[in-house]
PDB file of N, CA and C in Angstrom:
ATOM      1  N   MET A   1      19.978 -63.413  -3.515  1.00  0.00           N
ATOM      2  CA  MET A   1      21.031 -62.433  -3.651  1.00  0.00           C
ATOM      3  C   MET A   1      20.524 -61.124  -3.051  1.00  0.00           C
ATOM      4  N   LYS A   2      21.375 -60.514  -2.302  1.00  0.00           N
ATOM      5  CA  LYS A   2      21.014 -59.256  -1.662  1.00  0.00           C
ATOM      6  C   LYS A   2      22.136 -58.257  -1.935  1.00  0.00           C
ATOM      7  N   ILE A   3      21.736 -57.102  -2.458  1.00  0.00           N
ATOM      8  CA  ILE A   3      22.703 -56.050  -2.761  1.00  0.00           C
ATOM      9  C   ILE A   3      22.321 -54.830  -1.943  1.00  0.00           C
ATOM     10  N   GLN A   4      23.294 -54.238  -1.317  1.00  0.00           N
ATOM     11  CA  GLN A   4      23.059 -53.052  -0.511  1.00  0.00           C
ATOM     12  C   GLN A   4      23.987 -51.941  -0.985  1.00  0.00           C
ATOM     13  N   VAL A   5      23.392 -50.761  -1.230  1.00  0.00           N
ATOM     14  CA  VAL A   5      24.177 -49.626  -1.689  1.00  0.00           C
ATOM     15  C   VAL A   5      23.943 -48.476  -0.720  1.00  0.00           C
ATOM     16  N   ASP A   6      24.986 -47.925  -0.172  1.00  0.00           N
ATOM     17  CA  ASP A   6      24.895 -46.759   0.702  1.00  0.00           C
ATOM     18  C   ASP A   6      25.380 -45.539  -0.066  1.00  0.00           C
ATOM     19  N   VAL A   7      24.557 -44.503  -0.076  1.00  0.00           N
ATOM     20  CA  VAL A   7      24.924 -43.270  -0.764  1.00  0.00           C
ATOM     21  C   VAL A   7      25.029 -42.180   0.288  1.00  0.00           C
ATOM     22  N   ASP A   8      26.149 -41.524   0.316  1.00  0.00           N
ATOM     23  CA  ASP A   8      26.374 -40.445   1.281  1.00  0.00           C
ATOM     24  C   ASP A   8      26.440 -39.128   0.513  1.00  0.00           C
ATOM     25  N   CYS A   9      25.330 -38.372   0.562  1.00  0.00           N
ATOM     26  CA  CYS A   9      25.317 -37.085  -0.126  1.00  0.00           C
ATOM     27  C   CYS A   9      24.345 -36.154   0.589  1.00  0.00           C
ATOM     28  N   THR A  10      24.475 -34.903   0.301  1.00  0.00           N
ATOM     29  CA  THR A  10      23.578 -33.909   0.895  1.00  0.00           C
ATOM     30  C   THR A  10      22.265 -33.885   0.107  1.00  0.00           C
ATOM     31  N   PRO A  11      21.206 -33.331   0.687  1.00  0.00           N
ATOM     32  CA  PRO A  11      19.946 -33.217  -0.064  1.00  0.00           C
ATOM     33  C   PRO A  11      20.109 -32.434  -1.363  1.00  0.00           C
ATOM     34  N   GLU A  12      20.951 -31.407  -1.351  1.00  0.00           N
ATOM     35  CA  GLU A  12      21.174 -30.622  -2.562  1.00  0.00           C
ATOM     36  C   GLU A  12      21.822 -31.466  -3.654  1.00  0.00           C
ATOM     37  N   GLU A  13      22.794 -32.293  -3.257  1.00  0.00           N
ATOM     38  CA  GLU A  13      23.466 -33.159  -4.232  1.00  0.00           C
ATOM     39  C   GLU A  13      22.492 -34.197  -4.797  1.00  0.00           C
ATOM     40  N   ALA A  14      21.654 -34.766  -3.957  1.00  0.00           N
ATOM     41  CA  ALA A  14      20.677 -35.748  -4.424  1.00  0.00           C
ATOM     42  C   ALA A  14      19.668 -35.092  -5.369  1.00  0.00           C
ATOM     43  N   ARG A  15      19.219 -33.887  -5.017  1.00  0.00           N
ATOM     44  CA  ARG A  15      18.268 -33.160  -5.866  1.00  0.00           C
ATOM     45  C   ARG A  15      18.869 -32.889  -7.237  1.00  0.00           C
ATOM     46  N   ALA A  16      20.121 -32.466  -7.269  1.00  0.00           N
ATOM     47  CA  ALA A  16      20.789 -32.185  -8.544  1.00  0.00           C
ATOM     48  C   ALA A  16      20.987 -33.471  -9.340  1.00  0.00           C
ATOM     49  N   PHE A  17      21.331 -34.564  -8.673  1.00  0.00           N
ATOM     50  CA  PHE A  17      21.555 -35.837  -9.357  1.00  0.00           C
ATOM     51  C   PHE A  17      20.286 -36.329 -10.051  1.00  0.00           C
ATOM     52  N   PHE A  18      19.142 -36.189  -9.374  1.00  0.00           N
ATOM     53  CA  PHE A  18      17.872 -36.639  -9.950  1.00  0.00           C
ATOM     54  C   PHE A  18      17.227 -35.601 -10.856  1.00  0.00           C
ATOM     55  N   GLY A  19      17.850 -34.435 -10.990  1.00  0.00           N
ATOM     56  CA  GLY A  19      17.343 -33.408 -11.894  1.00  0.00           C
ATOM     57  C   GLY A  19      16.151 -32.633 -11.348  1.00  0.00           C
ATOM     58  N   LEU A  20      15.991 -32.630 -10.043  1.00  0.00           N
ATOM     59  CA  LEU A  20      14.883 -31.892  -9.435  1.00  0.00           C
ATOM     60  C   LEU A  20      15.249 -30.416  -9.295  1.00  0.00           C
ATOM     61  N   PRO A  21      14.268 -29.540  -9.348  1.00  0.00           N
ATOM     62  CA  PRO A  21      14.574 -28.099  -9.255  1.00  0.00           C
ATOM     63  C   PRO A  21      14.998 -27.696  -7.841  1.00  0.00           C
ATOM     64  N   ASP A  22      15.772 -26.648  -7.776  1.00  0.00           N
ATOM     65  CA  ASP A  22      16.185 -26.088  -6.496  1.00  0.00           C
ATOM     66  C   ASP A  22      15.086 -25.145  -6.011  1.00  0.00           C
ATOM     67  N   VAL A  23      14.394 -25.525  -4.951  1.00  0.00           N
ATOM     68  CA  VAL A  23      13.260 -24.735  -4.458  1.00  0.00           C
ATOM     69  C   VAL A  23      13.652 -23.854  -3.272  1.00  0.00           C
ATOM     70  N   LYS A  24      14.912 -23.827  -2.917  1.00  0.00           N
ATOM     71  CA  LYS A  24      15.370 -23.037  -1.768  1.00  0.00           C
ATOM     72  C   LYS A  24      15.032 -21.551  -1.898  1.00  0.00           C
ATOM     73  N   PRO A  25      15.254 -20.901  -3.052  1.00  0.00           N
ATOM     74  CA  PRO A  25      14.898 -19.483  -3.155  1.00  0.00           C
ATOM     75  C   PRO A  25      13.401 -19.240  -2.955  1.00  0.00           C
ATOM     76  N   MET A  26      12.572 -20.143  -3.481  1.00  0.00           N
ATOM     77  CA  MET A  26      11.123 -19.994  -3.301  1.00  0.00           C
ATOM     78  C   MET A  26      10.743 -20.195  -1.829  1.00  0.00           C
ATOM     79  N   GLN A  27      11.345 -21.179  -1.180  1.00  0.00           N
ATOM     80  CA  GLN A  27      11.070 -21.417   0.233  1.00  0.00           C
ATOM     81  C   GLN A  27      11.480 -20.210   1.078  1.00  0.00           C
ATOM     82  N   ASP A  28      12.627 -19.631   0.776  1.00  0.00           N
ATOM     83  CA  ASP A  28      13.088 -18.449   1.517  1.00  0.00           C
ATOM     84  C   ASP A  28      12.118 -17.283   1.353  1.00  0.00           C
ATOM     85  N   ALA A  29      11.647 -17.075   0.115  1.00  0.00           N
ATOM     86  CA  ALA A  29      10.696 -15.981  -0.138  1.00  0.00           C
ATOM     87  C   ALA A  29       9.379 -16.225   0.583  1.00  0.00           C
ATOM     88  N   MET A  30       8.896 -17.458   0.559  1.00  0.00           N
ATOM     89  CA  MET A  30       7.631 -17.784   1.226  1.00  0.00           C
ATOM     90  C   MET A  30       7.751 -17.634   2.742  1.00  0.00           C
ATOM     91  N   MET A  31       8.870 -18.060   3.296  1.00  0.00           N
ATOM     92  CA  MET A  31       9.065 -17.936   4.742  1.00  0.00           C
ATOM     93  C   MET A  31       9.136 -16.470   5.159  1.00  0.00           C
ATOM     94  N   ALA A  32       9.758 -15.633   4.346  1.00  0.00           N
ATOM     95  CA  ALA A  32       9.817 -14.200   4.649  1.00  0.00           C
ATOM     96  C   ALA A  32       8.409 -13.602   4.619  1.00  0.00           C
ATOM     97  N   GLU A  33       7.603 -13.998   3.642  1.00  0.00           N
ATOM     98  CA  GLU A  33       6.222 -13.508   3.531  1.00  0.00           C
ATOM     99  C   GLU A  33       5.382 -13.968   4.722  1.00  0.00           C
ATOM    100  N   ILE A  34       5.523 -15.228   5.098  1.00  0.00           N
ATOM    101  CA  ILE A  34       4.776 -15.753   6.240  1.00  0.00           C
ATOM    102  C   ILE A  34       5.180 -15.031   7.519  1.00  0.00           C
ATOM    103  N   GLU A  35       6.473 -14.787   7.677  1.00  0.00           N
ATOM    104  CA  GLU A  35       6.958 -14.078   8.861  1.00  0.00           C
ATOM    105  C   GLU A  35       6.384 -12.664   8.936  1.00  0.00           C
ATOM    106  N   GLU A  36       6.346 -11.965   7.801  1.00  0.00           N
ATOM    107  CA  GLU A  36       5.779 -10.611   7.781  1.00  0.00           C
ATOM    108  C   GLU A  36       4.299 -10.630   8.155  1.00  0.00           C
ATOM    109  N   ARG A  37       3.549 -11.585   7.612  1.00  0.00           N
ATOM    110  CA  ARG A  37       2.116 -11.677   7.909  1.00  0.00           C
ATOM    111  C   ARG A  37       1.875 -12.003   9.377  1.00  0.00           C
ATOM    112  N   LEU A  38       2.672 -12.920   9.920  1.00  0.00           N
ATOM    113  CA  LEU A  38       2.521 -13.253  11.338  1.00  0.00           C
ATOM    114  C   LEU A  38       2.802 -12.055  12.228  1.00  0.00           C
ATOM    115  N   LYS A  39       3.861 -11.318  11.900  1.00  0.00           N
ATOM    116  CA  LYS A  39       4.179 -10.126  12.682  1.00  0.00           C
ATOM    117  C   LYS A  39       3.060  -9.102  12.610  1.00  0.00           C
ATOM    118  N   ALA A  40       2.490  -8.902  11.426  1.00  0.00           N
ATOM    119  CA  ALA A  40       1.391  -7.942  11.262  1.00  0.00           C
ATOM    120  C   ALA A  40       0.167  -8.390  12.049  1.00  0.00           C
ATOM    121  N   ASN A  41      -0.150  -9.684  12.018  1.00  0.00           N
ATOM    122  CA  ASN A  41      -1.305 -10.187  12.756  1.00  0.00           C
ATOM    123  C   ASN A  41      -1.094 -10.114  14.256  1.00  0.00           C
ATOM    124  N   LEU A  42       0.119 -10.375  14.704  1.00  0.00           N
ATOM    125  CA  LEU A  42       0.389 -10.287  16.142  1.00  0.00           C
ATOM    126  C   LEU A  42       0.326  -8.842  16.623  1.00  0.00           C
ATOM    127  N   ALA A  43       0.772  -7.924  15.789  1.00  0.00           N
ATOM    128  CA  ALA A  43       0.714  -6.511  16.176  1.00  0.00           C
ATOM    129  C   ALA A  43      -0.734  -6.034  16.244  1.00  0.00           C
ATOM    130  N   ALA A  44      -1.600  -6.598  15.380  1.00  0.00           N
ATOM    131  CA  ALA A  44      -3.002  -6.199  15.361  1.00  0.00           C
ATOM    132  C   ALA A  44      -3.819  -6.914  16.432  1.00  0.00           C
ATOM    133  N   ALA A  45      -3.250  -7.917  17.068  1.00  0.00           N
ATOM    134  CA  ALA A  45      -3.976  -8.692  18.065  1.00  0.00           C
ATOM    135  C   ALA A  45      -3.900  -7.997  19.425  1.00  0.00           C
ATOM    136  N   ASP A  46      -4.701  -6.983  19.596  1.00  0.00           N
ATOM    137  CA  ASP A  46      -4.788  -6.258  20.863  1.00  0.00           C
ATOM    138  C   ASP A  46      -5.560  -7.124  21.855  1.00  0.00           C
ATOM    139  N   PRO A  47      -4.999  -7.412  23.033  1.00  0.00           N
ATOM    140  CA  PRO A  47      -5.688  -8.273  23.993  1.00  0.00           C
ATOM    141  C   PRO A  47      -7.083  -7.761  24.376  1.00  0.00           C
ATOM    142  N   GLU A  48      -7.229  -6.466  24.496  1.00  0.00           N
ATOM    143  CA  GLU A  48      -8.535  -5.913  24.870  1.00  0.00           C
ATOM    144  C   GLU A  48      -9.560  -6.147  23.758  1.00  0.00           C
ATOM    145  N   ALA A  49      -9.147  -5.969  22.508  1.00  0.00           N
ATOM    146  CA  ALA A  49     -10.057  -6.199  21.387  1.00  0.00           C
ATOM    147  C   ALA A  49     -10.425  -7.682  21.294  1.00  0.00           C
ATOM    148  N   LEU A  50      -9.464  -8.562  21.542  1.00  0.00           N
ATOM    149  CA  LEU A  50      -9.757  -9.989  21.523  1.00  0.00           C
ATOM    150  C   LEU A  50     -10.744 -10.358  22.629  1.00  0.00           C
ATOM    151  N   ALA A  51     -10.568  -9.782  23.806  1.00  0.00           N
ATOM    152  CA  ALA A  51     -11.485 -10.058  24.910  1.00  0.00           C
ATOM    153  C   ALA A  51     -12.895  -9.573  24.568  1.00  0.00           C
ATOM    154  N   ARG A  52     -13.002  -8.406  23.949  1.00  0.00           N
ATOM    155  CA  ARG A  52     -14.317  -7.892  23.549  1.00  0.00           C
ATOM    156  C   ARG A  52     -14.958  -8.799  22.505  1.00  0.00           C
ATOM    157  N   MET A  53     -14.143  -9.336  21.608  1.00  0.00           N
ATOM    158  CA  MET A  53     -14.671 -10.203  20.559  1.00  0.00           C
ATOM    159  C   MET A  53     -15.146 -11.539  21.152  1.00  0.00           C
ATOM    160  N   TRP A  54     -14.373 -12.095  22.098  1.00  0.00           N
ATOM    161  CA  TRP A  54     -14.717 -13.388  22.672  1.00  0.00           C
ATOM    162  C   TRP A  54     -15.841 -13.270  23.696  1.00  0.00           C
ATOM    163  N   LEU A  55     -15.878 -12.185  24.426  1.00  0.00           N
ATOM    164  CA  LEU A  55     -16.887 -11.988  25.463  1.00  0.00           C
ATOM    165  C   LEU A  55     -17.649 -10.703  25.179  1.00  0.00           C
ATOM    166  N   PRO A  56     -18.505 -10.705  24.165  1.00  0.00           N
ATOM    167  CA  PRO A  56     -19.134  -9.462  23.728  1.00  0.00           C
ATOM    168  C   PRO A  56     -20.060  -8.826  24.755  1.00  0.00           C
ATOM    169  N   ALA A  57     -20.716  -9.614  25.591  1.00  0.00           N
ATOM    170  CA  ALA A  57     -21.673  -9.037  26.537  1.00  0.00           C
ATOM    171  C   ALA A  57     -21.146  -9.067  27.968  1.00  0.00           C
ATOM    172  N   GLY A  58     -19.866  -9.067  28.140  1.00  0.00           N
ATOM    173  CA  GLY A  58     -19.278  -9.054  29.480  1.00  0.00           C
ATOM    174  C   GLY A  58     -19.550 -10.344  30.220  1.00  0.00           C
ATOM    175  N   VAL A  59     -20.207 -10.234  31.376  1.00  0.00           N
ATOM    176  CA  VAL A  59     -20.470 -11.390  32.226  1.00  0.00           C
ATOM    177  C   VAL A  59     -21.420 -12.370  31.536  1.00  0.00           C
ATOM    178  N   GLU A  60     -22.416 -11.857  30.831  1.00  0.00           N
ATOM    179  CA  GLU A  60     -23.356 -12.736  30.133  1.00  0.00           C
ATOM    180  C   GLU A  60     -22.622 -13.569  29.084  1.00  0.00           C
ATOM    181  N   GLY A  61     -21.713 -12.942  28.376  1.00  0.00           N
ATOM    182  CA  GLY A  61     -20.925 -13.669  27.378  1.00  0.00           C
ATOM    183  C   GLY A  61     -20.049 -14.719  28.028  1.00  0.00           C
ATOM    184  N   PHE A  62     -19.493 -14.390  29.202  1.00  0.00           N
ATOM    185  CA  PHE A  62     -18.663 -15.351  29.919  1.00  0.00           C
ATOM    186  C   PHE A  62     -19.500 -16.547  30.362  1.00  0.00           C
ATOM    187  N   GLU A  63     -20.711 -16.286  30.847  1.00  0.00           N
ATOM    188  CA  GLU A  63     -21.590 -17.374  31.274  1.00  0.00           C
ATOM    189  C   GLU A  63     -21.956 -18.266  30.095  1.00  0.00           C
ATOM    190  N   GLN A  64     -22.220 -17.677  28.941  1.00  0.00           N
ATOM    191  CA  GLN A  64     -22.529 -18.468  27.753  1.00  0.00           C
ATOM    192  C   GLN A  64     -21.320 -19.307  27.331  1.00  0.00           C
ATOM    193  N   LEU A  65     -20.143 -18.717  27.400  1.00  0.00           N
ATOM    194  CA  LEU A  65     -18.925 -19.431  27.056  1.00  0.00           C
ATOM    195  C   LEU A  65     -18.707 -20.593  28.022  1.00  0.00           C
ATOM    196  N   GLN A  66     -18.948 -20.342  29.302  1.00  0.00           N
ATOM    197  CA  GLN A  66     -18.778 -21.375  30.317  1.00  0.00           C
ATOM    198  C   GLN A  66     -19.772 -22.524  30.084  1.00  0.00           C
ATOM    199  N   LYS A  67     -21.015 -22.197  29.780  1.00  0.00           N
ATOM    200  CA  LYS A  67     -22.018 -23.232  29.497  1.00  0.00           C
ATOM    201  C   LYS A  67     -21.617 -24.055  28.275  1.00  0.00           C
ATOM    202  N   MET A  68     -21.087 -23.379  27.260  1.00  0.00           N
ATOM    203  CA  MET A  68     -20.660 -24.080  26.062  1.00  0.00           C
ATOM    204  C   MET A  68     -19.537 -25.056  26.393  1.00  0.00           C
ATOM    205  N   PHE A  69     -18.537 -24.610  27.187  1.00  0.00           N
ATOM    206  CA  PHE A  69     -17.443 -25.489  27.571  1.00  0.00           C
ATOM    207  C   PHE A  69     -17.960 -26.696  28.334  1.00  0.00           C
ATOM    208  N   TRP A  70     -18.833 -26.460  29.306  1.00  0.00           N
ATOM    209  CA  TRP A  70     -19.344 -27.554  30.120  1.00  0.00           C
ATOM    210  C   TRP A  70     -20.169 -28.520  29.275  1.00  0.00           C
ATOM    211  N   SER A  71     -20.941 -28.009  28.334  1.00  0.00           N
ATOM    212  CA  SER A  71     -21.753 -28.899  27.504  1.00  0.00           C
ATOM    213  C   SER A  71     -20.864 -29.769  26.621  1.00  0.00           C
ATOM    214  N   HIS A  72     -19.741 -29.227  26.150  1.00  0.00           N
ATOM    215  CA  HIS A  72     -18.839 -30.015  25.310  1.00  0.00           C
ATOM    216  C   HIS A  72     -18.015 -30.990  26.141  1.00  0.00           C
ATOM    217  N   LEU A  73     -17.620 -30.588  27.337  1.00  0.00           N
ATOM    218  CA  LEU A  73     -16.789 -31.456  28.168  1.00  0.00           C
ATOM    219  C   LEU A  73     -17.596 -32.592  28.780  1.00  0.00           C
ATOM    220  N   GLY A  74     -18.772 -32.265  29.284  1.00  0.00           N
ATOM    221  CA  GLY A  74     -19.551 -33.284  29.984  1.00  0.00           C
ATOM    222  C   GLY A  74     -20.679 -33.851  29.171  1.00  0.00           C
ATOM    223  N   GLY A  75     -20.811 -33.440  27.951  1.00  0.00           N
ATOM    224  CA  GLY A  75     -21.915 -33.928  27.130  1.00  0.00           C
ATOM    225  C   GLY A  75     -23.256 -33.427  27.596  1.00  0.00           C
ATOM    226  N   GLY A  76     -23.255 -32.343  28.378  1.00  0.00           N
ATOM    227  CA  GLY A  76     -24.511 -31.765  28.850  1.00  0.00           C
ATOM    228  C   GLY A  76     -24.975 -32.363  30.159  1.00  0.00           C
ATOM    229  N   LYS A  77     -24.259 -33.309  30.748  1.00  0.00           N
ATOM    230  CA  LYS A  77     -24.654 -33.963  31.992  1.00  0.00           C
ATOM    231  C   LYS A  77     -24.356 -33.035  33.175  1.00  0.00           C
ATOM    232  N   GLY A  78     -25.270 -32.976  34.105  1.00  0.00           N
ATOM    233  CA  GLY A  78     -25.056 -32.208  35.323  1.00  0.00           C
ATOM    234  C   GLY A  78     -25.095 -30.718  35.107  1.00  0.00           C
ATOM    235  N   LYS A  79     -25.625 -30.279  33.985  1.00  0.00           N
ATOM    236  CA  LYS A  79     -25.665 -28.850  33.678  1.00  0.00           C
ATOM    237  C   LYS A  79     -26.867 -28.225  34.363  1.00  0.00           C
ATOM    238  N   GLU A  80     -26.635 -27.140  35.073  1.00  0.00           N
ATOM    239  CA  GLU A  80     -27.717 -26.434  35.750  1.00  0.00           C
ATOM    240  C   GLU A  80     -28.159 -25.282  34.906  1.00  0.00           C
ATOM    241  N   ASP A  81     -29.490 -25.159  34.669  1.00  0.00           N
ATOM    242  CA  ASP A  81     -30.026 -24.053  33.879  1.00  0.00           C
ATOM    243  C   ASP A  81     -30.824 -23.134  34.745  1.00  0.00           C
TER     244      ASP A  81
END
């Protein structure tokens, strides 16, 4: 015997039917908080400051970064020191 039941309802209706809490207000508040934090972090992300952080010693830092990339990509093979 095979019984098939199709239920056509919205997620809100299903949540209410099963007695689950409505988390929409909490989700909205969390998304607003995340959006504010992202905007603040993007505003603080000055490209020049990021470049100084990633390449602290100018050309020497770039060479070290390049060596690191090559060592990870090629497993250290063919690396010239």
